[in-house]
Amino acid sequence: MNFIKKIRQNRWFSFFSNIYVIVLTVFAVWMIFFDTNSLLTHMELEKEIDKLQKQKEYLQKEIEQDKEVIRNLKDDGNIEKFAREEYYFKKENEEIYIIERQDSITWNKKKAKKE
């Protein structure tokens, strides 16, 4: 019994046994871990926002590159060059020989794996 009396007389026990401190502690734990708008949820959402912003920047760069290609393709000569290089188009009665070096073959395989 003396042990319990000593604990109750302790300054920290009286502080933590205060009803306001208990309610505040329970509220803080609830808001940090269990609530639908918890701190953990906010941290996950912030990570997702950062990821989406990086993706947005990447896609904007891709759009700018595509716009540049479109501007270059407005000329008929550039359209023909693009079609020949990318899609191996040819004129009638014309033969095309594709010559690939050993290093370009491995580069194309790496490129195909990424896609």
PDB file of N, CA and C in Angstrom:
ATOM      1  N   MET A   1       0.807  -1.200   0.000  1.00  0.00           N
ATOM      2  CA  MET A   1       0.000   0.000   0.000  1.00  0.00           C
ATOM      3  C   MET A   1       0.848   1.261   0.000  1.00  0.00           C
ATOM      4  N   ASN A   2       1.988   1.192   0.676  1.00  0.00           N
ATOM      5  CA  ASN A   2       2.861   2.370   0.713  1.00  0.00           C
ATOM      6  C   ASN A   2       3.381   2.711  -0.679  1.00  0.00           C
ATOM      7  N   PHE A   3       3.596   1.674  -1.453  1.00  0.00           N
ATOM      8  CA  PHE A   3       4.088   1.883  -2.810  1.00  0.00           C
ATOM      9  C   PHE A   3       3.058   2.650  -3.644  1.00  0.00           C
ATOM     10  N   ILE A   4       1.804   2.273  -3.526  1.00  0.00           N
ATOM     11  CA  ILE A   4       0.732   2.944  -4.276  1.00  0.00           C
ATOM     12  C   ILE A   4       0.578   4.391  -3.818  1.00  0.00           C
ATOM     13  N   LYS A   5       0.704   4.639  -2.514  1.00  0.00           N
ATOM     14  CA  LYS A   5       0.610   6.008  -2.010  1.00  0.00           C
ATOM     15  C   LYS A   5       1.758   6.854  -2.534  1.00  0.00           C
ATOM     16  N   LYS A   6       2.943   6.273  -2.617  1.00  0.00           N
ATOM     17  CA  LYS A   6       4.098   7.003  -3.138  1.00  0.00           C
ATOM     18  C   LYS A   6       3.901   7.347  -4.616  1.00  0.00           C
ATOM     19  N   ILE A   7       3.337   6.400  -5.346  1.00  0.00           N
ATOM     20  CA  ILE A   7       3.096   6.654  -6.773  1.00  0.00           C
ATOM     21  C   ILE A   7       2.063   7.763  -6.937  1.00  0.00           C
ATOM     22  N   ARG A   8       1.020   7.733  -6.158  1.00  0.00           N
ATOM     23  CA  ARG A   8      -0.022   8.760  -6.262  1.00  0.00           C
ATOM     24  C   ARG A   8       0.470  10.133  -5.847  1.00  0.00           C
ATOM     25  N   GLN A   9       1.442  10.184  -4.978  1.00  0.00           N
ATOM     26  CA  GLN A   9       1.984  11.473  -4.538  1.00  0.00           C
ATOM     27  C   GLN A   9       3.028  12.011  -5.520  1.00  0.00           C
ATOM     28  N   ASN A  10       3.455  11.182  -6.424  1.00  0.00           N
ATOM     29  CA  ASN A  10       4.441  11.604  -7.407  1.00  0.00           C
ATOM     30  C   ASN A  10       3.838  12.695  -8.300  1.00  0.00           C
ATOM     31  N   ARG A  11       4.670  13.657  -8.650  1.00  0.00           N
ATOM     32  CA  ARG A  11       4.227  14.792  -9.458  1.00  0.00           C
ATOM     33  C   ARG A  11       3.784  14.349 -10.845  1.00  0.00           C
ATOM     34  N   TRP A  12       4.481  13.402 -11.482  1.00  0.00           N
ATOM     35  CA  TRP A  12       4.154  12.949 -12.823  1.00  0.00           C
ATOM     36  C   TRP A  12       2.855  12.156 -12.850  1.00  0.00           C
ATOM     37  N   PHE A  13       2.611  11.401 -11.836  1.00  0.00           N
ATOM     38  CA  PHE A  13       1.361  10.637 -11.777  1.00  0.00           C
ATOM     39  C   PHE A  13       0.169  11.579 -11.738  1.00  0.00           C
ATOM     40  N   SER A  14       0.265  12.613 -10.930  1.00  0.00           N
ATOM     41  CA  SER A  14      -0.859  13.549 -10.855  1.00  0.00           C
ATOM     42  C   SER A  14      -1.045  14.284 -12.182  1.00  0.00           C
ATOM     43  N   PHE A  15       0.056  14.544 -12.885  1.00  0.00           N
ATOM     44  CA  PHE A  15      -0.052  15.217 -14.188  1.00  0.00           C
ATOM     45  C   PHE A  15      -0.725  14.314 -15.212  1.00  0.00           C
ATOM     46  N   PHE A  16      -0.255  13.051 -15.325  1.00  0.00           N
ATOM     47  CA  PHE A  16      -0.796  12.149 -16.334  1.00  0.00           C
ATOM     48  C   PHE A  16      -2.153  11.567 -15.957  1.00  0.00           C
ATOM     49  N   SER A  17      -2.541  11.651 -14.730  1.00  0.00           N
ATOM     50  CA  SER A  17      -3.863  11.166 -14.365  1.00  0.00           C
ATOM     51  C   SER A  17      -4.925  12.255 -14.495  1.00  0.00           C
ATOM     52  N   ASN A  18      -4.514  13.446 -14.872  1.00  0.00           N
ATOM     53  CA  ASN A  18      -5.454  14.541 -15.110  1.00  0.00           C
ATOM     54  C   ASN A  18      -6.319  14.173 -16.319  1.00  0.00           C
ATOM     55  N   ILE A  19      -7.603  14.364 -16.229  1.00  0.00           N
ATOM     56  CA  ILE A  19      -8.546  13.962 -17.273  1.00  0.00           C
ATOM     57  C   ILE A  19      -8.285  14.707 -18.579  1.00  0.00           C
ATOM     58  N   TYR A  20      -7.857  15.949 -18.514  1.00  0.00           N
ATOM     59  CA  TYR A  20      -7.582  16.723 -19.724  1.00  0.00           C
ATOM     60  C   TYR A  20      -6.365  16.168 -20.471  1.00  0.00           C
ATOM     61  N   VAL A  21      -5.364  15.770 -19.723  1.00  0.00           N
ATOM     62  CA  VAL A  21      -4.167  15.191 -20.341  1.00  0.00           C
ATOM     63  C   VAL A  21      -4.510  13.854 -20.976  1.00  0.00           C
ATOM     64  N   ILE A  22      -5.315  13.071 -20.323  1.00  0.00           N
ATOM     65  CA  ILE A  22      -5.711  11.770 -20.876  1.00  0.00           C
ATOM     66  C   ILE A  22      -6.512  11.950 -22.155  1.00  0.00           C
ATOM     67  N   VAL A  23      -7.482  12.853 -22.114  1.00  0.00           N
ATOM     68  CA  VAL A  23      -8.318  13.097 -23.302  1.00  0.00           C
ATOM     69  C   VAL A  23      -7.468  13.653 -24.440  1.00  0.00           C
ATOM     70  N   LEU A  24      -6.576  14.579 -24.143  1.00  0.00           N
ATOM     71  CA  LEU A  24      -5.712  15.151 -25.174  1.00  0.00           C
ATOM     72  C   LEU A  24      -4.791  14.088 -25.776  1.00  0.00           C
ATOM     73  N   THR A  25      -4.272  13.209 -24.961  1.00  0.00           N
ATOM     74  CA  THR A  25      -3.398  12.138 -25.449  1.00  0.00           C
ATOM     75  C   THR A  25      -4.163  11.172 -26.339  1.00  0.00           C
ATOM     76  N   VAL A  26      -5.343  10.781 -25.916  1.00  0.00           N
ATOM     77  CA  VAL A  26      -6.166   9.880 -26.733  1.00  0.00           C
ATOM     78  C   VAL A  26      -6.530  10.560 -28.053  1.00  0.00           C
ATOM     79  N   PHE A  27      -6.884  11.832 -28.010  1.00  0.00           N
ATOM     80  CA  PHE A  27      -7.230  12.570 -29.223  1.00  0.00           C
ATOM     81  C   PHE A  27      -6.034  12.641 -30.180  1.00  0.00           C
ATOM     82  N   ALA A  28      -4.845  12.941 -29.644  1.00  0.00           N
ATOM     83  CA  ALA A  28      -3.649  13.045 -30.487  1.00  0.00           C
ATOM     84  C   ALA A  28      -3.318  11.704 -31.139  1.00  0.00           C
ATOM     85  N   VAL A  29      -3.389  10.634 -30.381  1.00  0.00           N
ATOM     86  CA  VAL A  29      -3.111   9.310 -30.937  1.00  0.00           C
ATOM     87  C   VAL A  29      -4.140   8.971 -32.010  1.00  0.00           C
ATOM     88  N   TRP A  30      -5.388   9.278 -31.743  1.00  0.00           N
ATOM     89  CA  TRP A  30      -6.441   9.002 -32.726  1.00  0.00           C
ATOM     90  C   TRP A  30      -6.199   9.779 -34.012  1.00  0.00           C
ATOM     91  N   MET A  31      -5.868  11.059 -33.913  1.00  0.00           N
ATOM     92  CA  MET A  31      -5.679  11.894 -35.098  1.00  0.00           C
ATOM     93  C   MET A  31      -4.429  11.490 -35.885  1.00  0.00           C
ATOM     94  N   ILE A  32      -3.404  11.029 -35.203  1.00  0.00           N
ATOM     95  CA  ILE A  32      -2.165  10.677 -35.898  1.00  0.00           C
ATOM     96  C   ILE A  32      -2.280   9.326 -36.598  1.00  0.00           C
ATOM     97  N   PHE A  33      -2.915   8.347 -35.980  1.00  0.00           N
ATOM     98  CA  PHE A  33      -2.882   6.994 -36.519  1.00  0.00           C
ATOM     99  C   PHE A  33      -4.199   6.468 -37.073  1.00  0.00           C
ATOM    100  N   PHE A  34      -5.334   6.779 -36.463  1.00  0.00           N
ATOM    101  CA  PHE A  34      -6.570   6.080 -36.791  1.00  0.00           C
ATOM    102  C   PHE A  34      -7.576   6.864 -37.625  1.00  0.00           C
ATOM    103  N   ASP A  35      -7.523   8.158 -37.620  1.00  0.00           N
ATOM    104  CA  ASP A  35      -8.514   8.963 -38.318  1.00  0.00           C
ATOM    105  C   ASP A  35      -8.351   8.815 -39.829  1.00  0.00           C
ATOM    106  N   THR A  36      -9.429   9.061 -40.591  1.00  0.00           N
ATOM    107  CA  THR A  36      -9.337   8.978 -42.052  1.00  0.00           C
ATOM    108  C   THR A  36      -8.438  10.068 -42.609  1.00  0.00           C
ATOM    109  N   ASN A  37      -8.300  11.160 -41.923  1.00  0.00           N
ATOM    110  CA  ASN A  37      -7.399  12.240 -42.322  1.00  0.00           C
ATOM    111  C   ASN A  37      -6.144  12.244 -41.455  1.00  0.00           C
ATOM    112  N   SER A  38      -5.623  11.076 -41.162  1.00  0.00           N
ATOM    113  CA  SER A  38      -4.500  10.961 -40.241  1.00  0.00           C
ATOM    114  C   SER A  38      -3.217  11.529 -40.846  1.00  0.00           C
ATOM    115  N   LEU A  39      -2.250  11.707 -39.997  1.00  0.00           N
ATOM    116  CA  LEU A  39      -0.956  12.217 -40.427  1.00  0.00           C
ATOM    117  C   LEU A  39      -0.304  11.249 -41.410  1.00  0.00           C
ATOM    118  N   LEU A  40      -0.446   9.974 -41.185  1.00  0.00           N
ATOM    119  CA  LEU A  40       0.131   8.981 -42.087  1.00  0.00           C
ATOM    120  C   LEU A  40      -0.490   9.067 -43.482  1.00  0.00           C
ATOM    121  N   THR A  41      -1.794   9.278 -43.525  1.00  0.00           N
ATOM    122  CA  THR A  41      -2.479   9.422 -44.809  1.00  0.00           C
ATOM    123  C   THR A  41      -1.987  10.659 -45.535  1.00  0.00           C
ATOM    124  N   HIS A  42      -1.819  11.748 -44.811  1.00  0.00           N
ATOM    125  CA  HIS A  42      -1.307  12.976 -45.420  1.00  0.00           C
ATOM    126  C   HIS A  42       0.092  12.783 -45.982  1.00  0.00           C
ATOM    127  N   MET A  43       0.934  12.049 -45.284  1.00  0.00           N
ATOM    128  CA  MET A  43       2.292  11.802 -45.769  1.00  0.00           C
ATOM    129  C   MET A  43       2.270  10.981 -47.047  1.00  0.00           C
ATOM    130  N   GLU A  44       1.408   9.969 -47.111  1.00  0.00           N
ATOM    131  CA  GLU A  44       1.287   9.163 -48.327  1.00  0.00           C
ATOM    132  C   GLU A  44       0.777  10.002 -49.490  1.00  0.00           C
ATOM    133  N   LEU A  45      -0.195  10.862 -49.214  1.00  0.00           N
ATOM    134  CA  LEU A  45      -0.735  11.716 -50.270  1.00  0.00           C
ATOM    135  C   LEU A  45       0.300  12.721 -50.766  1.00  0.00           C
ATOM    136  N   GLU A  46       1.128  13.237 -49.881  1.00  0.00           N
ATOM    137  CA  GLU A  46       2.193  14.156 -50.291  1.00  0.00           C
ATOM    138  C   GLU A  46       3.190  13.449 -51.213  1.00  0.00           C
ATOM    139  N   LYS A  47       3.528  12.214 -50.904  1.00  0.00           N
ATOM    140  CA  LYS A  47       4.427  11.444 -51.766  1.00  0.00           C
ATOM    141  C   LYS A  47       3.795  11.251 -53.143  1.00  0.00           C
ATOM    142  N   GLU A  48       2.523  10.943 -53.155  1.00  0.00           N
ATOM    143  CA  GLU A  48       1.827  10.743 -54.421  1.00  0.00           C
ATOM    144  C   GLU A  48       1.779  12.039 -55.228  1.00  0.00           C
ATOM    145  N   ILE A  49       1.561  13.160 -54.554  1.00  0.00           N
ATOM    146  CA  ILE A  49       1.542  14.458 -55.237  1.00  0.00           C
ATOM    147  C   ILE A  49       2.900  14.737 -55.856  1.00  0.00           C
ATOM    148  N   ASP A  50       3.979  14.484 -55.130  1.00  0.00           N
ATOM    149  CA  ASP A  50       5.321  14.694 -55.667  1.00  0.00           C
ATOM    150  C   ASP A  50       5.566  13.816 -56.893  1.00  0.00           C
ATOM    151  N   LYS A  51       5.139  12.571 -56.805  1.00  0.00           N
ATOM    152  CA  LYS A  51       5.313  11.639 -57.923  1.00  0.00           C
ATOM    153  C   LYS A  51       4.544  12.128 -59.147  1.00  0.00           C
ATOM    154  N   LEU A  52       3.314  12.582 -58.934  1.00  0.00           N
ATOM    155  CA  LEU A  52       2.496  13.054 -60.048  1.00  0.00           C
ATOM    156  C   LEU A  52       3.040  14.347 -60.651  1.00  0.00           C
ATOM    157  N   GLN A  53       3.626  15.211 -59.827  1.00  0.00           N
ATOM    158  CA  GLN A  53       4.223  16.437 -60.352  1.00  0.00           C
ATOM    159  C   GLN A  53       5.444  16.126 -61.215  1.00  0.00           C
ATOM    160  N   LYS A  54       6.239  15.151 -60.800  1.00  0.00           N
ATOM    161  CA  LYS A  54       7.385  14.744 -61.616  1.00  0.00           C
ATOM    162  C   LYS A  54       6.915  14.157 -62.939  1.00  0.00           C
ATOM    163  N   GLN A  55       5.862  13.361 -62.875  1.00  0.00           N
ATOM    164  CA  GLN A  55       5.312  12.779 -64.096  1.00  0.00           C
ATOM    165  C   GLN A  55       4.757  13.881 -65.003  1.00  0.00           C
ATOM    166  N   LYS A  56       4.143  14.872 -64.416  1.00  0.00           N
ATOM    167  CA  LYS A  56       3.600  15.988 -65.190  1.00  0.00           C
ATOM    168  C   LYS A  56       4.716  16.737 -65.910  1.00  0.00           C
ATOM    169  N   GLU A  57       5.818  17.003 -65.205  1.00  0.00           N
ATOM    170  CA  GLU A  57       6.951  17.686 -65.825  1.00  0.00           C
ATOM    171  C   GLU A  57       7.516  16.863 -66.972  1.00  0.00           C
ATOM    172  N   TYR A  58       7.654  15.558 -66.759  1.00  0.00           N
ATOM    173  CA  TYR A  58       8.168  14.681 -67.813  1.00  0.00           C
ATOM    174  C   TYR A  58       7.255  14.714 -69.036  1.00  0.00           C
ATOM    175  N   LEU A  59       5.955  14.614 -68.808  1.00  0.00           N
ATOM    176  CA  LEU A  59       5.012  14.599 -69.928  1.00  0.00           C
ATOM    177  C   LEU A  59       4.968  15.941 -70.656  1.00  0.00           C
ATOM    178  N   GLN A  60       5.154  17.047 -69.920  1.00  0.00           N
ATOM    179  CA  GLN A  60       5.211  18.348 -70.577  1.00  0.00           C
ATOM    180  C   GLN A  60       6.433  18.456 -71.480  1.00  0.00           C
ATOM    181  N   LYS A  61       7.552  17.890 -71.037  1.00  0.00           N
ATOM    182  CA  LYS A  61       8.743  17.871 -71.894  1.00  0.00           C
ATOM    183  C   LYS A  61       8.485  17.032 -73.139  1.00  0.00           C
ATOM    184  N   GLU A  62       7.821  15.905 -72.964  1.00  0.00           N
ATOM    185  CA  GLU A  62       7.490  15.054 -74.104  1.00  0.00           C
ATOM    186  C   GLU A  62       6.561  15.789 -75.076  1.00  0.00           C
ATOM    187  N   ILE A  63       5.610  16.525 -74.556  1.00  0.00           N
ATOM    188  CA  ILE A  63       4.693  17.290 -75.412  1.00  0.00           C
ATOM    189  C   ILE A  63       5.465  18.329 -76.204  1.00  0.00           C
ATOM    190  N   GLU A  64       6.407  19.006 -75.565  1.00  0.00           N
ATOM    191  CA  GLU A  64       7.215  20.003 -76.272  1.00  0.00           C
ATOM    192  C   GLU A  64       8.034  19.349 -77.386  1.00  0.00           C
ATOM    193  N   GLN A  65       8.585  18.181 -77.115  1.00  0.00           N
ATOM    194  CA  GLN A  65       9.344  17.478 -78.153  1.00  0.00           C
ATOM    195  C   GLN A  65       8.435  17.074 -79.309  1.00  0.00           C
ATOM    196  N   ASP A  66       7.236  16.608 -78.992  1.00  0.00           N
ATOM    197  CA  ASP A  66       6.292  16.229 -80.039  1.00  0.00           C
ATOM    198  C   ASP A  66       5.842  17.441 -80.854  1.00  0.00           C
ATOM    199  N   LYS A  67       5.664  18.576 -80.203  1.00  0.00           N
ATOM    200  CA  LYS A  67       5.300  19.795 -80.928  1.00  0.00           C
ATOM    201  C   LYS A  67       6.409  20.212 -81.883  1.00  0.00           C
ATOM    202  N   GLU A  68       7.650  20.030 -81.451  1.00  0.00           N
ATOM    203  CA  GLU A  68       8.790  20.350 -82.317  1.00  0.00           C
ATOM    204  C   GLU A  68       8.814  19.432 -83.539  1.00  0.00           C
ATOM    205  N   VAL A  69       8.529  18.148 -83.314  1.00  0.00           N
ATOM    206  CA  VAL A  69       8.475  17.210 -84.435  1.00  0.00           C
ATOM    207  C   VAL A  69       7.347  17.593 -85.384  1.00  0.00           C
ATOM    208  N   ILE A  70       6.216  17.969 -84.852  1.00  0.00           N
ATOM    209  CA  ILE A  70       5.076  18.377 -85.688  1.00  0.00           C
ATOM    210  C   ILE A  70       5.424  19.616 -86.498  1.00  0.00           C
ATOM    211  N   ARG A  71       6.093  20.586 -85.874  1.00  0.00           N
ATOM    212  CA  ARG A  71       6.513  21.793 -86.604  1.00  0.00           C
ATOM    213  C   ARG A  71       7.459  21.424 -87.745  1.00  0.00           C
ATOM    214  N   ASN A  72       8.356  20.474 -87.489  1.00  0.00           N
ATOM    215  CA  ASN A  72       9.292  20.064 -88.534  1.00  0.00           C
ATOM    216  C   ASN A  72       8.597  19.286 -89.649  1.00  0.00           C
ATOM    217  N   LEU A  73       7.521  18.606 -89.331  1.00  0.00           N
ATOM    218  CA  LEU A  73       6.828  17.794 -90.331  1.00  0.00           C
ATOM    219  C   LEU A  73       5.888  18.599 -91.226  1.00  0.00           C
ATOM    220  N   LYS A  74       5.761  19.879 -90.992  1.00  0.00           N
ATOM    221  CA  LYS A  74       4.878  20.689 -91.833  1.00  0.00           C
ATOM    222  C   LYS A  74       5.451  20.844 -93.239  1.00  0.00           C
ATOM    223  N   ASP A  75       6.736  20.636 -93.393  1.00  0.00           N
ATOM    224  CA  ASP A  75       7.375  20.680 -94.706  1.00  0.00           C
ATOM    225  C   ASP A  75       7.279  19.298 -95.345  1.00  0.00           C
ATOM    226  N   ASP A  76       6.929  19.239 -96.639  1.00  0.00           N
ATOM    227  CA  ASP A  76       6.755  17.947 -97.322  1.00  0.00           C
ATOM    228  C   ASP A  76       8.050  17.141 -97.352  1.00  0.00           C
ATOM    229  N   GLY A  77       9.174  17.801 -97.507  1.00  0.00           N
ATOM    230  CA  GLY A  77      10.452  17.093 -97.545  1.00  0.00           C
ATOM    231  C   GLY A  77      10.749  16.418 -96.218  1.00  0.00           C
ATOM    232  N   ASN A  78      10.399  17.086 -95.141  1.00  0.00           N
ATOM    233  CA  ASN A  78      10.634  16.496 -93.831  1.00  0.00           C
ATOM    234  C   ASN A  78       9.681  15.339 -93.551  1.00  0.00           C
ATOM    235  N   ILE A  79       8.468  15.426 -94.080  1.00  0.00           N
ATOM    236  CA  ILE A  79       7.517  14.326 -93.904  1.00  0.00           C
ATOM    237  C   ILE A  79       8.040  13.077 -94.602  1.00  0.00           C
ATOM    238  N   GLU A  80       8.543  13.263 -95.829  1.00  0.00           N
ATOM    239  CA  GLU A  80       9.069  12.121 -96.566  1.00  0.00           C
ATOM    240  C   GLU A  80      10.284  11.524 -95.852  1.00  0.00           C
ATOM    241  N   LYS A  81      11.159  12.369 -95.372  1.00  0.00           N
ATOM    242  CA  LYS A  81      12.343  11.898 -94.650  1.00  0.00           C
ATOM    243  C   LYS A  81      11.946  11.127 -93.388  1.00  0.00           C
ATOM    244  N   PHE A  82      10.985  11.670 -92.661  1.00  0.00           N
ATOM    245  CA  PHE A  82      10.522  11.010 -91.432  1.00  0.00           C
ATOM    246  C   PHE A  82       9.912   9.651 -91.742  1.00  0.00           C
ATOM    247  N   ALA A  83       9.075   9.590 -92.772  1.00  0.00           N
ATOM    248  CA  ALA A  83       8.419   8.335 -93.142  1.00  0.00           C
ATOM    249  C   ALA A  83       9.444   7.298 -93.585  1.00  0.00           C
ATOM    250  N   ARG A  84      10.446   7.737 -94.311  1.00  0.00           N
ATOM    251  CA  ARG A  84      11.465   6.797 -94.767  1.00  0.00           C
ATOM    252  C   ARG A  84      12.314   6.282 -93.602  1.00  0.00           C
ATOM    253  N   GLU A  85      12.676   7.164 -92.683  1.00  0.00           N
ATOM    254  CA  GLU A  85      13.553   6.759 -91.586  1.00  0.00           C
ATOM    255  C   GLU A  85      12.826   5.946 -90.515  1.00  0.00           C
ATOM    256  N   GLU A  86      11.641   6.357 -90.157  1.00  0.00           N
ATOM    257  CA  GLU A  86      10.944   5.715 -89.049  1.00  0.00           C
ATOM    258  C   GLU A  86      10.112   4.506 -89.467  1.00  0.00           C
ATOM    259  N   TYR A  87       9.467   4.601 -90.621  1.00  0.00           N
ATOM    260  CA  TYR A  87       8.536   3.542 -91.024  1.00  0.00           C
ATOM    261  C   TYR A  87       8.993   2.792 -92.273  1.00  0.00           C
ATOM    262  N   TYR A  88      10.185   3.095 -92.765  1.00  0.00           N
ATOM    263  CA  TYR A  88      10.782   2.421 -93.915  1.00  0.00           C
ATOM    264  C   TYR A  88       9.875   2.475 -95.149  1.00  0.00           C
ATOM    265  N   PHE A  89       9.238   3.611 -95.349  1.00  0.00           N
ATOM    266  CA  PHE A  89       8.439   3.791 -96.552  1.00  0.00           C
ATOM    267  C   PHE A  89       9.379   3.924 -97.737  1.00  0.00           C
ATOM    268  N   LYS A  90       8.852   3.611 -98.933  1.00  0.00           N
ATOM    269  CA  LYS A  90       9.669   3.732-100.142  1.00  0.00           C
ATOM    270  C   LYS A  90       8.780   4.165-101.296  1.00  0.00           C
ATOM    271  N   LYS A  91       9.452   4.659-102.298  1.00  0.00           N
ATOM    272  CA  LYS A  91       8.742   5.030-103.515  1.00  0.00           C
ATOM    273  C   LYS A  91       8.556   3.775-104.362  1.00  0.00           C
ATOM    274  N   GLU A  92       7.688   3.886-105.370  1.00  0.00           N
ATOM    275  CA  GLU A  92       7.491   2.747-106.263  1.00  0.00           C
ATOM    276  C   GLU A  92       8.785   2.477-107.026  1.00  0.00           C
ATOM    277  N   ASN A  93       9.019   1.222-107.294  1.00  0.00           N
ATOM    278  CA  ASN A  93      10.201   0.774-108.030  1.00  0.00           C
ATOM    279  C   ASN A  93      11.494   1.193-107.331  1.00  0.00           C
ATOM    280  N   GLU A  94      11.467   1.177-106.037  1.00  0.00           N
ATOM    281  CA  GLU A  94      12.659   1.554-105.278  1.00  0.00           C
ATOM    282  C   GLU A  94      12.922   0.442-104.266  1.00  0.00           C
ATOM    283  N   GLU A  95      14.173   0.115-104.093  1.00  0.00           N
ATOM    284  CA  GLU A  95      14.539  -0.889-103.117  1.00  0.00           C
ATOM    285  C   GLU A  95      15.290  -0.235-101.978  1.00  0.00           C
ATOM    286  N   ILE A  96      15.030  -0.734-100.787  1.00  0.00           N
ATOM    287  CA  ILE A  96      15.680  -0.175 -99.603  1.00  0.00           C
ATOM    288  C   ILE A  96      16.516  -1.275 -98.963  1.00  0.00           C
ATOM    289  N   TYR A  97      17.749  -0.939 -98.654  1.00  0.00           N
ATOM    290  CA  TYR A  97      18.634  -1.849 -97.939  1.00  0.00           C
ATOM    291  C   TYR A  97      18.916  -1.236 -96.569  1.00  0.00           C
ATOM    292  N   ILE A  98      18.626  -1.991 -95.545  1.00  0.00           N
ATOM    293  CA  ILE A  98      18.866  -1.528 -94.185  1.00  0.00           C
ATOM    294  C   ILE A  98      20.158  -2.164 -93.707  1.00  0.00           C
ATOM    295  N   ILE A  99      21.110  -1.314 -93.423  1.00  0.00           N
ATOM    296  CA  ILE A  99      22.409  -1.782 -92.961  1.00  0.00           C
ATOM    297  C   ILE A  99      22.519  -1.420 -91.492  1.00  0.00           C
ATOM    298  N   GLU A 100      22.687  -2.456 -90.681  1.00  0.00           N
ATOM    299  CA  GLU A 100      22.821  -2.228 -89.241  1.00  0.00           C
ATOM    300  C   GLU A 100      24.175  -2.702 -88.782  1.00  0.00           C
ATOM    301  N   ARG A 101      24.775  -1.927 -87.948  1.00  0.00           N
ATOM    302  CA  ARG A 101      26.045  -2.315 -87.363  1.00  0.00           C
ATOM    303  C   ARG A 101      25.775  -3.143 -86.115  1.00  0.00           C
ATOM    304  N   GLN A 102      26.777  -3.856 -85.664  1.00  0.00           N
ATOM    305  CA  GLN A 102      26.611  -4.720 -84.498  1.00  0.00           C
ATOM    306  C   GLN A 102      26.188  -3.928 -83.268  1.00  0.00           C
ATOM    307  N   ASP A 103      26.772  -2.745 -83.035  1.00  0.00           N
ATOM    308  CA  ASP A 103      26.415  -1.952 -81.853  1.00  0.00           C
ATOM    309  C   ASP A 103      25.006  -1.390 -81.947  1.00  0.00           C
ATOM    310  N   SER A 104      24.517  -1.106 -83.143  1.00  0.00           N
ATOM    311  CA  SER A 104      23.150  -0.595 -83.273  1.00  0.00           C
ATOM    312  C   SER A 104      22.126  -1.692 -83.019  1.00  0.00           C
ATOM    313  N   ILE A 105      22.476  -2.928 -83.319  1.00  0.00           N
ATOM    314  CA  ILE A 105      21.557  -4.042 -83.073  1.00  0.00           C
ATOM    315  C   ILE A 105      21.352  -4.220 -81.572  1.00  0.00           C
ATOM    316  N   THR A 106      22.430  -4.179 -80.800  1.00  0.00           N
ATOM    317  CA  THR A 106      22.283  -4.316 -79.348  1.00  0.00           C
ATOM    318  C   THR A 106      21.546  -3.120 -78.775  1.00  0.00           C
ATOM    319  N   TRP A 107      21.761  -1.934 -79.348  1.00  0.00           N
ATOM    320  CA  TRP A 107      21.069  -0.741 -78.871  1.00  0.00           C
ATOM    321  C   TRP A 107      19.573  -0.865 -79.145  1.00  0.00           C
ATOM    322  N   ASN A 108      19.199  -1.396 -80.311  1.00  0.00           N
ATOM    323  CA  ASN A 108      17.780  -1.580 -80.637  1.00  0.00           C
ATOM    324  C   ASN A 108      17.136  -2.612 -79.726  1.00  0.00           C
ATOM    325  N   LYS A 109      17.873  -3.647 -79.345  1.00  0.00           N
ATOM    326  CA  LYS A 109      17.326  -4.643 -78.427  1.00  0.00           C
ATOM    327  C   LYS A 109      17.080  -4.031 -77.061  1.00  0.00           C
ATOM    328  N   LYS A 110      18.004  -3.215 -76.601  1.00  0.00           N
ATOM    329  CA  LYS A 110      17.822  -2.535 -75.301  1.00  0.00           C
ATOM    330  C   LYS A 110      16.624  -1.595 -75.367  1.00  0.00           C
ATOM    331  N   LYS A 111      16.490  -0.892 -76.477  1.00  0.00           N
ATOM    332  CA  LYS A 111      15.372   0.032 -76.637  1.00  0.00           C
ATOM    333  C   LYS A 111      14.051  -0.729 -76.642  1.00  0.00           C
ATOM    334  N   ALA A 112      14.007  -1.875 -77.303  1.00  0.00           N
ATOM    335  CA  ALA A 112      12.787  -2.690 -77.377  1.00  0.00           C
ATOM    336  C   ALA A 112      12.429  -3.243 -75.995  1.00  0.00           C
ATOM    337  N   LYS A 113      13.420  -3.595 -75.186  1.00  0.00           N
ATOM    338  CA  LYS A 113      13.147  -4.109 -73.862  1.00  0.00           C
ATOM    339  C   LYS A 113      12.547  -3.037 -72.967  1.00  0.00           C
ATOM    340  N   LYS A 114      12.990  -1.808 -73.102  1.00  0.00           N
ATOM    341  CA  LYS A 114      12.468  -0.709 -72.291  1.00  0.00           C
ATOM    342  C   LYS A 114      11.016  -0.427 -72.628  1.00  0.00           C
ATOM    343  N   GLU A 115      10.652  -0.589 -73.875  1.00  0.00           N
ATOM    344  CA  GLU A 115       9.276  -0.301 -74.288  1.00  0.00           C
ATOM    345  C   GLU A 115       8.409  -1.433 -73.869  1.00  0.00           C
TER     346      GLU A 115
END
